[in-house]
Amino acid sequence: MKRFVVISGCSGGGKSTLLAELGRRGHPIVEEPGRRIVRQELQKGGVALPWKDEKAFSHRAIVMALEDRAAAAAWNGWVFFDRSLVDAAAFLQHLTHEPVLTSLAQLHRYHQTVFFTPPWPEIYANDPERRHDMAAAEAEYSRLLEAYPMLGYKVSILPKISVSERADIIEKALADE
């Protein structure tokens, strides 16, 4: 959907903080499926975790991303997604080498411009939900930087500036359409 805007890019690059700022500005936001899955799995002692069962984790992320899109259809205005179905499908395709990305992602489109947070080692930090290192985050970023344009999306890489300035850039870009 044209009004579904994805914020993707590098883990630890400031996506969640940026989404929180957009939410404070009154926009509906959708939290990253991966973080929600990790919290749920840790709480119940599950194994669909990226460091235990990557395939189960990626399948859950795909299902959650589809559910998020369906729920967001009822909301008005721009809806901002912390990652998307493309991210989840790209990860599954990376793991299995099965061509799931194109079929899934073409059926469920987002706004043509995807805003990327680049690798930013100075702010990167691990936490209970993010256990991978910067090298893994950069590899993921590279995969996504290929996947989105391959699917016909325009990638806009956000500069390493304050959260409010990043949010201003996004709002201005969308207002100029």
N, C-alpha and C. Protein backbone atom coordinates (compact mmCIF):
# COMPACT_ATOMS: atom_id res chain seq x y z
N MET A 1 0.84 -1.19 0.00
CA MET A 1 0.00 0.00 0.00
C MET A 1 0.88 1.25 0.00
N LYS A 2 0.44 2.21 -0.72
CA LYS A 2 1.21 3.44 -0.88
C LYS A 2 1.47 4.14 0.46
N ARG A 3 0.57 4.02 1.42
CA ARG A 3 0.75 4.77 2.68
C ARG A 3 1.48 3.97 3.76
N PHE A 4 1.90 2.75 3.42
CA PHE A 4 2.70 1.92 4.34
C PHE A 4 4.17 2.19 4.07
N VAL A 5 4.83 2.87 4.99
CA VAL A 5 6.21 3.30 4.80
C VAL A 5 7.14 2.45 5.67
N VAL A 6 8.16 1.91 5.04
CA VAL A 6 9.11 1.03 5.74
C VAL A 6 10.37 1.79 6.12
N ILE A 7 10.78 1.57 7.37
CA ILE A 7 12.08 2.01 7.85
C ILE A 7 12.87 0.71 8.03
N SER A 8 13.90 0.54 7.25
CA SER A 8 14.71 -0.68 7.31
C SER A 8 16.17 -0.30 7.41
N GLY A 9 17.04 -1.26 7.13
CA GLY A 9 18.46 -0.97 7.16
C GLY A 9 19.20 -1.79 8.17
N CYS A 10 20.20 -1.19 8.76
CA CYS A 10 21.12 -1.91 9.64
C CYS A 10 20.57 -2.01 11.06
N SER A 11 20.69 -3.20 11.63
CA SER A 11 20.39 -3.36 13.05
C SER A 11 21.26 -2.40 13.84
N GLY A 12 20.68 -1.77 14.83
CA GLY A 12 21.43 -0.85 15.65
C GLY A 12 21.72 0.48 14.99
N GLY A 13 21.03 0.76 13.88
CA GLY A 13 21.24 2.02 13.16
C GLY A 13 20.28 3.13 13.56
N GLY A 14 19.41 2.86 14.53
CA GLY A 14 18.49 3.88 15.02
C GLY A 14 17.06 3.77 14.51
N LYS A 15 16.69 2.64 13.93
CA LYS A 15 15.33 2.48 13.40
C LYS A 15 14.25 2.62 14.48
N SER A 16 14.40 1.88 15.54
CA SER A 16 13.36 1.88 16.58
C SER A 16 13.22 3.26 17.22
N THR A 17 14.33 3.94 17.43
CA THR A 17 14.29 5.29 17.99
C THR A 17 13.59 6.24 17.03
N LEU A 18 13.88 6.08 15.74
CA LEU A 18 13.23 6.91 14.72
C LEU A 18 11.73 6.64 14.67
N LEU A 19 11.34 5.38 14.75
CA LEU A 19 9.91 5.05 14.75
C LEU A 19 9.22 5.65 15.98
N ALA A 20 9.89 5.60 17.11
CA ALA A 20 9.31 6.20 18.32
C ALA A 20 9.08 7.69 18.12
N GLU A 21 10.01 8.37 17.47
CA GLU A 21 9.86 9.80 17.18
C GLU A 21 8.68 10.03 16.25
N LEU A 22 8.56 9.22 15.21
CA LEU A 22 7.42 9.37 14.29
C LEU A 22 6.10 9.10 15.02
N GLY A 23 6.11 8.16 15.96
CA GLY A 23 4.92 7.91 16.77
C GLY A 23 4.58 9.10 17.65
N ARG A 24 5.60 9.73 18.23
CA ARG A 24 5.37 10.93 19.05
C ARG A 24 4.76 12.06 18.21
N ARG A 25 5.05 12.05 16.92
CA ARG A 25 4.51 13.07 16.02
C ARG A 25 3.11 12.73 15.53
N GLY A 26 2.55 11.66 16.04
CA GLY A 26 1.17 11.34 15.74
C GLY A 26 0.94 10.30 14.64
N HIS A 27 2.01 9.73 14.12
CA HIS A 27 1.87 8.72 13.08
C HIS A 27 1.70 7.33 13.69
N PRO A 28 0.84 6.50 13.11
CA PRO A 28 0.78 5.11 13.56
C PRO A 28 2.10 4.40 13.21
N ILE A 29 2.59 3.60 14.13
CA ILE A 29 3.82 2.86 13.90
C ILE A 29 3.61 1.39 14.23
N VAL A 30 4.41 0.55 13.58
CA VAL A 30 4.36 -0.90 13.80
C VAL A 30 5.75 -1.34 14.22
N GLU A 31 5.85 -1.88 15.41
CA GLU A 31 7.13 -2.32 15.95
C GLU A 31 7.68 -3.49 15.14
N GLU A 32 8.97 -3.60 15.10
CA GLU A 32 9.67 -4.66 14.37
C GLU A 32 9.19 -6.05 14.80
N PRO A 33 8.78 -6.89 13.83
CA PRO A 33 8.36 -8.25 14.19
C PRO A 33 9.44 -9.03 14.94
N GLY A 34 10.68 -8.93 14.52
CA GLY A 34 11.75 -9.70 15.14
C GLY A 34 11.87 -9.47 16.63
N ARG A 35 11.80 -8.22 17.04
CA ARG A 35 11.92 -7.92 18.47
C ARG A 35 10.73 -8.49 19.26
N ARG A 36 9.54 -8.38 18.66
CA ARG A 36 8.36 -8.93 19.36
C ARG A 36 8.46 -10.45 19.48
N ILE A 37 8.93 -11.11 18.43
CA ILE A 37 9.08 -12.56 18.46
C ILE A 37 10.09 -12.96 19.53
N VAL A 38 11.23 -12.29 19.56
CA VAL A 38 12.26 -12.62 20.55
C VAL A 38 11.70 -12.47 21.96
N ARG A 39 11.00 -11.37 22.23
CA ARG A 39 10.41 -11.18 23.57
C ARG A 39 9.45 -12.31 23.91
N GLN A 40 8.57 -12.66 22.96
CA GLN A 40 7.60 -13.74 23.20
C GLN A 40 8.30 -15.07 23.46
N GLU A 41 9.29 -15.38 22.64
CA GLU A 41 9.99 -16.66 22.77
C GLU A 41 10.78 -16.73 24.07
N LEU A 42 11.43 -15.64 24.45
CA LEU A 42 12.17 -15.63 25.71
C LEU A 42 11.23 -15.79 26.90
N GLN A 43 10.07 -15.15 26.82
CA GLN A 43 9.11 -15.21 27.91
C GLN A 43 8.57 -16.62 28.13
N LYS A 44 8.34 -17.34 27.03
CA LYS A 44 7.76 -18.68 27.16
C LYS A 44 8.78 -19.80 27.03
N GLY A 45 10.07 -19.45 26.92
CA GLY A 45 11.11 -20.47 26.79
C GLY A 45 11.11 -21.14 25.43
N GLY A 46 10.68 -20.42 24.41
CA GLY A 46 10.59 -20.98 23.06
C GLY A 46 11.93 -21.02 22.35
N VAL A 47 11.92 -21.60 21.15
CA VAL A 47 13.16 -21.75 20.39
C VAL A 47 13.16 -21.00 19.07
N ALA A 48 12.07 -20.33 18.71
CA ALA A 48 12.02 -19.58 17.43
C ALA A 48 12.79 -18.27 17.61
N LEU A 49 14.08 -18.43 17.87
CA LEU A 49 14.98 -17.31 18.12
C LEU A 49 16.07 -17.31 17.06
N PRO A 50 16.54 -16.14 16.65
CA PRO A 50 17.55 -16.12 15.59
C PRO A 50 18.85 -16.82 15.97
N TRP A 51 19.13 -16.99 17.24
CA TRP A 51 20.35 -17.68 17.66
C TRP A 51 20.10 -19.14 18.02
N LYS A 52 18.83 -19.61 17.89
CA LYS A 52 18.52 -21.03 18.15
C LYS A 52 17.95 -21.72 16.91
N ASP A 53 16.92 -21.14 16.32
CA ASP A 53 16.27 -21.74 15.15
C ASP A 53 15.90 -20.62 14.18
N GLU A 54 16.86 -20.28 13.33
CA GLU A 54 16.67 -19.15 12.41
C GLU A 54 15.49 -19.36 11.47
N LYS A 55 15.28 -20.58 11.00
CA LYS A 55 14.17 -20.82 10.07
C LYS A 55 12.83 -20.60 10.75
N ALA A 56 12.67 -21.14 11.95
CA ALA A 56 11.41 -20.95 12.68
C ALA A 56 11.20 -19.46 12.96
N PHE A 57 12.27 -18.78 13.33
CA PHE A 57 12.20 -17.34 13.58
C PHE A 57 11.75 -16.60 12.33
N SER A 58 12.35 -16.89 11.19
CA SER A 58 12.02 -16.17 9.96
C SER A 58 10.60 -16.48 9.49
N HIS A 59 10.15 -17.72 9.66
CA HIS A 59 8.76 -18.05 9.31
C HIS A 59 7.78 -17.26 10.19
N ARG A 60 8.07 -17.17 11.48
CA ARG A 60 7.21 -16.38 12.38
C ARG A 60 7.22 -14.91 11.99
N ALA A 61 8.39 -14.40 11.59
CA ALA A 61 8.49 -12.99 11.20
C ALA A 61 7.64 -12.72 9.95
N ILE A 62 7.60 -13.65 9.02
CA ILE A 62 6.77 -13.49 7.82
C ILE A 62 5.30 -13.45 8.20
N VAL A 63 4.87 -14.38 9.03
CA VAL A 63 3.47 -14.41 9.47
C VAL A 63 3.11 -13.12 10.20
N MET A 64 3.98 -12.67 11.09
CA MET A 64 3.70 -11.45 11.85
C MET A 64 3.66 -10.23 10.94
N ALA A 65 4.55 -10.16 9.96
CA ALA A 65 4.56 -9.03 9.03
C ALA A 65 3.27 -8.98 8.22
N LEU A 66 2.76 -10.13 7.83
CA LEU A 66 1.49 -10.17 7.10
C LEU A 66 0.33 -9.74 8.00
N GLU A 67 0.34 -10.19 9.24
CA GLU A 67 -0.69 -9.78 10.20
C GLU A 67 -0.63 -8.27 10.46
N ASP A 68 0.58 -7.74 10.56
CA ASP A 68 0.76 -6.30 10.78
C ASP A 68 0.17 -5.50 9.63
N ARG A 69 0.43 -5.93 8.41
CA ARG A 69 -0.11 -5.24 7.23
C ARG A 69 -1.64 -5.26 7.26
N ALA A 70 -2.21 -6.40 7.58
CA ALA A 70 -3.67 -6.52 7.61
C ALA A 70 -4.26 -5.60 8.68
N ALA A 71 -3.65 -5.56 9.85
CA ALA A 71 -4.15 -4.70 10.93
C ALA A 71 -4.01 -3.23 10.56
N ALA A 72 -2.91 -2.87 9.92
CA ALA A 72 -2.65 -1.46 9.58
C ALA A 72 -3.59 -0.92 8.51
N ALA A 73 -4.22 -1.79 7.77
CA ALA A 73 -5.14 -1.33 6.72
C ALA A 73 -6.29 -0.50 7.30
N ALA A 74 -6.61 -0.71 8.57
CA ALA A 74 -7.70 0.03 9.20
C ALA A 74 -7.27 1.41 9.69
N TRP A 75 -5.98 1.71 9.66
CA TRP A 75 -5.48 2.98 10.17
C TRP A 75 -5.45 4.02 9.07
N ASN A 76 -5.54 5.28 9.46
CA ASN A 76 -5.51 6.39 8.50
C ASN A 76 -4.11 6.98 8.41
N GLY A 77 -3.85 7.59 7.28
CA GLY A 77 -2.58 8.31 7.08
C GLY A 77 -1.41 7.39 6.87
N TRP A 78 -0.22 8.00 6.95
CA TRP A 78 1.01 7.23 6.81
C TRP A 78 1.13 6.27 7.98
N VAL A 79 1.49 5.04 7.69
CA VAL A 79 1.77 4.04 8.73
C VAL A 79 3.22 3.64 8.55
N PHE A 80 3.99 3.75 9.63
CA PHE A 80 5.42 3.47 9.57
C PHE A 80 5.73 2.10 10.18
N PHE A 81 6.45 1.30 9.41
CA PHE A 81 6.81 -0.06 9.81
C PHE A 81 8.30 -0.14 10.12
N ASP A 82 8.62 -0.67 11.29
CA ASP A 82 10.00 -0.98 11.64
C ASP A 82 10.29 -2.34 11.02
N ARG A 83 10.92 -2.32 9.86
CA ARG A 83 11.16 -3.49 9.02
C ARG A 83 9.84 -3.92 8.36
N SER A 84 9.93 -4.91 7.47
CA SER A 84 8.74 -5.30 6.72
C SER A 84 8.80 -6.77 6.33
N LEU A 85 7.80 -7.16 5.59
CA LEU A 85 7.74 -8.50 5.02
C LEU A 85 8.97 -8.76 4.15
N VAL A 86 9.45 -7.74 3.47
CA VAL A 86 10.65 -7.89 2.62
C VAL A 86 11.84 -8.32 3.47
N ASP A 87 12.02 -7.70 4.62
CA ASP A 87 13.13 -8.05 5.51
C ASP A 87 13.04 -9.52 5.93
N ALA A 88 11.84 -9.93 6.34
CA ALA A 88 11.64 -11.30 6.81
C ALA A 88 11.85 -12.31 5.68
N ALA A 89 11.29 -12.02 4.51
CA ALA A 89 11.43 -12.94 3.38
C ALA A 89 12.87 -12.99 2.88
N ALA A 90 13.57 -11.86 2.90
CA ALA A 90 14.97 -11.84 2.48
C ALA A 90 15.81 -12.71 3.42
N PHE A 91 15.50 -12.67 4.71
CA PHE A 91 16.24 -13.49 5.67
C PHE A 91 15.98 -14.97 5.42
N LEU A 92 14.71 -15.34 5.22
CA LEU A 92 14.38 -16.74 4.96
C LEU A 92 15.05 -17.22 3.66
N GLN A 93 15.01 -16.39 2.64
CA GLN A 93 15.65 -16.77 1.38
C GLN A 93 17.16 -16.94 1.56
N HIS A 94 17.77 -16.08 2.35
CA HIS A 94 19.20 -16.19 2.64
C HIS A 94 19.49 -17.52 3.33
N LEU A 95 18.63 -17.95 4.24
CA LEU A 95 18.84 -19.19 4.98
C LEU A 95 18.61 -20.43 4.13
N THR A 96 17.54 -20.41 3.33
CA THR A 96 17.11 -21.63 2.63
C THR A 96 17.45 -21.66 1.15
N HIS A 97 17.75 -20.50 0.59
CA HIS A 97 17.99 -20.35 -0.86
C HIS A 97 16.74 -20.66 -1.68
N GLU A 98 15.58 -20.70 -1.02
CA GLU A 98 14.31 -20.86 -1.72
C GLU A 98 13.85 -19.49 -2.18
N PRO A 99 13.31 -19.36 -3.39
CA PRO A 99 12.93 -18.04 -3.93
C PRO A 99 11.61 -17.51 -3.36
N VAL A 100 11.58 -17.25 -2.07
CA VAL A 100 10.35 -16.78 -1.42
C VAL A 100 10.20 -15.26 -1.50
N LEU A 101 11.31 -14.57 -1.64
CA LEU A 101 11.29 -13.11 -1.57
C LEU A 101 10.40 -12.49 -2.63
N THR A 102 10.61 -12.82 -3.87
CA THR A 102 9.87 -12.18 -4.96
C THR A 102 8.38 -12.48 -4.87
N SER A 103 8.03 -13.74 -4.66
CA SER A 103 6.60 -14.09 -4.65
C SER A 103 5.86 -13.41 -3.50
N LEU A 104 6.42 -13.46 -2.30
CA LEU A 104 5.76 -12.83 -1.15
C LEU A 104 5.74 -11.32 -1.26
N ALA A 105 6.88 -10.75 -1.57
CA ALA A 105 7.02 -9.29 -1.54
C ALA A 105 6.27 -8.61 -2.67
N GLN A 106 6.09 -9.26 -3.80
CA GLN A 106 5.35 -8.63 -4.90
C GLN A 106 3.86 -8.59 -4.61
N LEU A 107 3.36 -9.54 -3.85
CA LEU A 107 1.94 -9.57 -3.52
C LEU A 107 1.56 -8.53 -2.46
N HIS A 108 2.51 -8.17 -1.64
CA HIS A 108 2.24 -7.29 -0.49
C HIS A 108 3.20 -6.11 -0.55
N ARG A 109 2.80 -5.09 -1.28
CA ARG A 109 3.67 -3.94 -1.52
C ARG A 109 3.55 -2.88 -0.41
N TYR A 110 4.60 -2.09 -0.31
CA TYR A 110 4.67 -0.95 0.60
C TYR A 110 4.90 0.30 -0.24
N HIS A 111 5.04 1.44 0.42
CA HIS A 111 5.36 2.68 -0.28
C HIS A 111 6.62 2.48 -1.11
N GLN A 112 6.69 3.14 -2.25
CA GLN A 112 7.82 2.94 -3.18
C GLN A 112 9.17 3.32 -2.60
N THR A 113 9.21 4.26 -1.66
CA THR A 113 10.48 4.66 -1.04
C THR A 113 10.61 4.01 0.32
N VAL A 114 11.72 3.33 0.51
CA VAL A 114 12.05 2.70 1.79
C VAL A 114 13.21 3.48 2.38
N PHE A 115 13.06 3.88 3.63
CA PHE A 115 14.08 4.67 4.31
C PHE A 115 15.01 3.73 5.09
N PHE A 116 16.30 3.84 4.81
CA PHE A 116 17.30 2.95 5.41
C PHE A 116 18.16 3.69 6.41
N THR A 117 18.37 3.05 7.55
CA THR A 117 19.37 3.54 8.50
C THR A 117 20.65 2.76 8.20
N PRO A 118 21.75 3.47 7.92
CA PRO A 118 22.99 2.79 7.59
C PRO A 118 23.70 2.26 8.83
N PRO A 119 24.71 1.42 8.63
CA PRO A 119 25.51 0.98 9.79
C PRO A 119 26.07 2.20 10.53
N TRP A 120 25.95 2.15 11.83
CA TRP A 120 26.39 3.27 12.67
C TRP A 120 27.04 2.68 13.93
N PRO A 121 28.30 2.25 13.81
CA PRO A 121 28.96 1.57 14.94
C PRO A 121 28.95 2.36 16.25
N GLU A 122 28.95 3.67 16.16
CA GLU A 122 29.00 4.50 17.37
C GLU A 122 27.74 4.37 18.23
N ILE A 123 26.61 3.98 17.63
CA ILE A 123 25.39 3.83 18.43
C ILE A 123 24.95 2.37 18.55
N TYR A 124 25.64 1.47 17.85
CA TYR A 124 25.27 0.06 17.88
C TYR A 124 25.47 -0.50 19.29
N ALA A 125 24.48 -1.23 19.76
CA ALA A 125 24.58 -1.86 21.08
C ALA A 125 23.79 -3.15 21.08
N ASN A 126 24.32 -4.14 21.76
CA ASN A 126 23.58 -5.39 21.96
C ASN A 126 22.64 -5.21 23.13
N ASP A 127 21.60 -6.03 23.15
CA ASP A 127 20.65 -6.07 24.25
C ASP A 127 20.06 -7.48 24.27
N PRO A 128 19.15 -7.79 25.18
CA PRO A 128 18.62 -9.15 25.24
C PRO A 128 17.92 -9.60 23.94
N GLU A 129 17.45 -8.66 23.15
CA GLU A 129 16.76 -9.01 21.90
C GLU A 129 17.69 -8.93 20.69
N ARG A 130 18.85 -8.31 20.82
CA ARG A 130 19.80 -8.18 19.72
C ARG A 130 21.15 -8.72 20.20
N ARG A 131 21.43 -9.95 19.83
CA ARG A 131 22.65 -10.59 20.30
C ARG A 131 23.73 -10.72 19.23
N HIS A 132 23.38 -10.42 17.98
CA HIS A 132 24.37 -10.56 16.91
C HIS A 132 25.34 -9.38 16.93
N ASP A 133 26.50 -9.59 16.30
CA ASP A 133 27.52 -8.55 16.31
C ASP A 133 27.36 -7.60 15.12
N MET A 134 28.21 -6.58 15.09
CA MET A 134 28.14 -5.57 14.05
C MET A 134 28.37 -6.16 12.67
N ALA A 135 29.24 -7.14 12.56
CA ALA A 135 29.50 -7.77 11.25
C ALA A 135 28.24 -8.43 10.71
N ALA A 136 27.50 -9.11 11.56
CA ALA A 136 26.24 -9.74 11.12
C ALA A 136 25.22 -8.67 10.75
N ALA A 137 25.19 -7.58 11.49
CA ALA A 137 24.27 -6.48 11.17
C ALA A 137 24.61 -5.87 9.81
N GLU A 138 25.89 -5.72 9.53
CA GLU A 138 26.31 -5.15 8.24
C GLU A 138 26.01 -6.10 7.09
N ALA A 139 26.16 -7.41 7.31
CA ALA A 139 25.82 -8.39 6.27
C ALA A 139 24.33 -8.34 5.96
N GLU A 140 23.51 -8.23 7.00
CA GLU A 140 22.06 -8.12 6.82
C GLU A 140 21.74 -6.85 6.03
N TYR A 141 22.38 -5.76 6.37
CA TYR A 141 22.18 -4.48 5.68
C TYR A 141 22.49 -4.63 4.19
N SER A 142 23.58 -5.27 3.88
CA SER A 142 23.96 -5.47 2.47
C SER A 142 22.91 -6.29 1.72
N ARG A 143 22.41 -7.35 2.35
CA ARG A 143 21.36 -8.16 1.71
C ARG A 143 20.11 -7.33 1.44
N LEU A 144 19.72 -6.52 2.41
CA LEU A 144 18.52 -5.71 2.24
C LEU A 144 18.72 -4.60 1.22
N LEU A 145 19.93 -4.07 1.15
CA LEU A 145 20.26 -3.03 0.19
C LEU A 145 20.17 -3.57 -1.25
N GLU A 146 20.31 -4.86 -1.42
CA GLU A 146 20.12 -5.51 -2.73
C GLU A 146 18.66 -5.88 -2.94
N ALA A 147 18.01 -6.39 -1.89
CA ALA A 147 16.65 -6.94 -2.02
C ALA A 147 15.62 -5.88 -2.39
N TYR A 148 15.63 -4.76 -1.69
CA TYR A 148 14.59 -3.76 -1.95
C TYR A 148 14.63 -3.22 -3.39
N PRO A 149 15.79 -2.77 -3.90
CA PRO A 149 15.81 -2.29 -5.29
C PRO A 149 15.45 -3.40 -6.30
N MET A 150 15.85 -4.64 -6.00
CA MET A 150 15.51 -5.75 -6.89
C MET A 150 13.99 -5.89 -7.03
N LEU A 151 13.26 -5.50 -5.98
CA LEU A 151 11.80 -5.58 -5.98
C LEU A 151 11.15 -4.30 -6.48
N GLY A 152 11.94 -3.35 -6.94
CA GLY A 152 11.41 -2.11 -7.51
C GLY A 152 11.24 -0.97 -6.54
N TYR A 153 11.78 -1.10 -5.34
CA TYR A 153 11.70 -0.02 -4.36
C TYR A 153 12.87 0.94 -4.53
N LYS A 154 12.63 2.19 -4.17
CA LYS A 154 13.69 3.19 -4.12
C LYS A 154 14.18 3.24 -2.68
N VAL A 155 15.48 3.14 -2.48
CA VAL A 155 16.07 3.19 -1.14
C VAL A 155 16.61 4.59 -0.89
N SER A 156 16.18 5.18 0.21
CA SER A 156 16.69 6.48 0.64
C SER A 156 17.47 6.25 1.93
N ILE A 157 18.80 6.39 1.84
CA ILE A 157 19.64 6.17 3.02
C ILE A 157 19.68 7.44 3.85
N LEU A 158 19.25 7.31 5.09
CA LEU A 158 19.19 8.46 5.99
C LEU A 158 20.59 8.81 6.50
N PRO A 159 20.88 10.09 6.60
CA PRO A 159 22.19 10.48 7.15
C PRO A 159 22.26 10.21 8.65
N LYS A 160 23.48 10.16 9.14
CA LYS A 160 23.73 9.95 10.57
C LYS A 160 23.62 11.29 11.28
N ILE A 161 22.38 11.67 11.56
CA ILE A 161 22.07 12.95 12.21
C ILE A 161 21.09 12.67 13.33
N SER A 162 20.60 13.70 13.98
CA SER A 162 19.69 13.51 15.12
C SER A 162 18.39 12.83 14.68
N VAL A 163 17.75 12.22 15.64
CA VAL A 163 16.48 11.53 15.40
C VAL A 163 15.45 12.49 14.83
N SER A 164 15.33 13.67 15.41
CA SER A 164 14.31 14.62 14.93
C SER A 164 14.62 15.07 13.50
N GLU A 165 15.89 15.23 13.16
CA GLU A 165 16.24 15.61 11.79
C GLU A 165 15.93 14.49 10.81
N ARG A 166 16.15 13.26 11.23
CA ARG A 166 15.80 12.12 10.37
C ARG A 166 14.29 12.08 10.13
N ALA A 167 13.52 12.26 11.20
CA ALA A 167 12.06 12.26 11.07
C ALA A 167 11.60 13.40 10.16
N ASP A 168 12.24 14.56 10.28
CA ASP A 168 11.91 15.69 9.40
C ASP A 168 12.14 15.33 7.94
N ILE A 169 13.26 14.67 7.64
CA ILE A 169 13.57 14.26 6.26
C ILE A 169 12.48 13.36 5.72
N ILE A 170 12.06 12.39 6.52
CA ILE A 170 11.02 11.45 6.07
C ILE A 170 9.70 12.18 5.84
N GLU A 171 9.28 12.98 6.80
CA GLU A 171 8.01 13.69 6.65
C GLU A 171 8.04 14.62 5.43
N LYS A 172 9.14 15.30 5.21
CA LYS A 172 9.25 16.19 4.06
C LYS A 172 9.19 15.41 2.76
N ALA A 173 9.91 14.31 2.69
CA ALA A 173 9.91 13.49 1.47
C ALA A 173 8.50 13.00 1.14
N LEU A 174 7.75 12.61 2.15
CA LEU A 174 6.39 12.13 1.92
C LEU A 174 5.43 13.27 1.60
N ALA A 175 5.64 14.42 2.19
CA ALA A 175 4.78 15.58 1.92
C ALA A 175 4.98 16.11 0.51
N ASP A 176 6.19 15.92 -0.03
CA ASP A 176 6.51 16.42 -1.37
C ASP A 176 5.93 15.57 -2.49
N GLU A 177 5.27 14.48 -2.16
CA GLU A 177 4.70 13.60 -3.20
C GLU A 177 3.39 14.14 -3.72
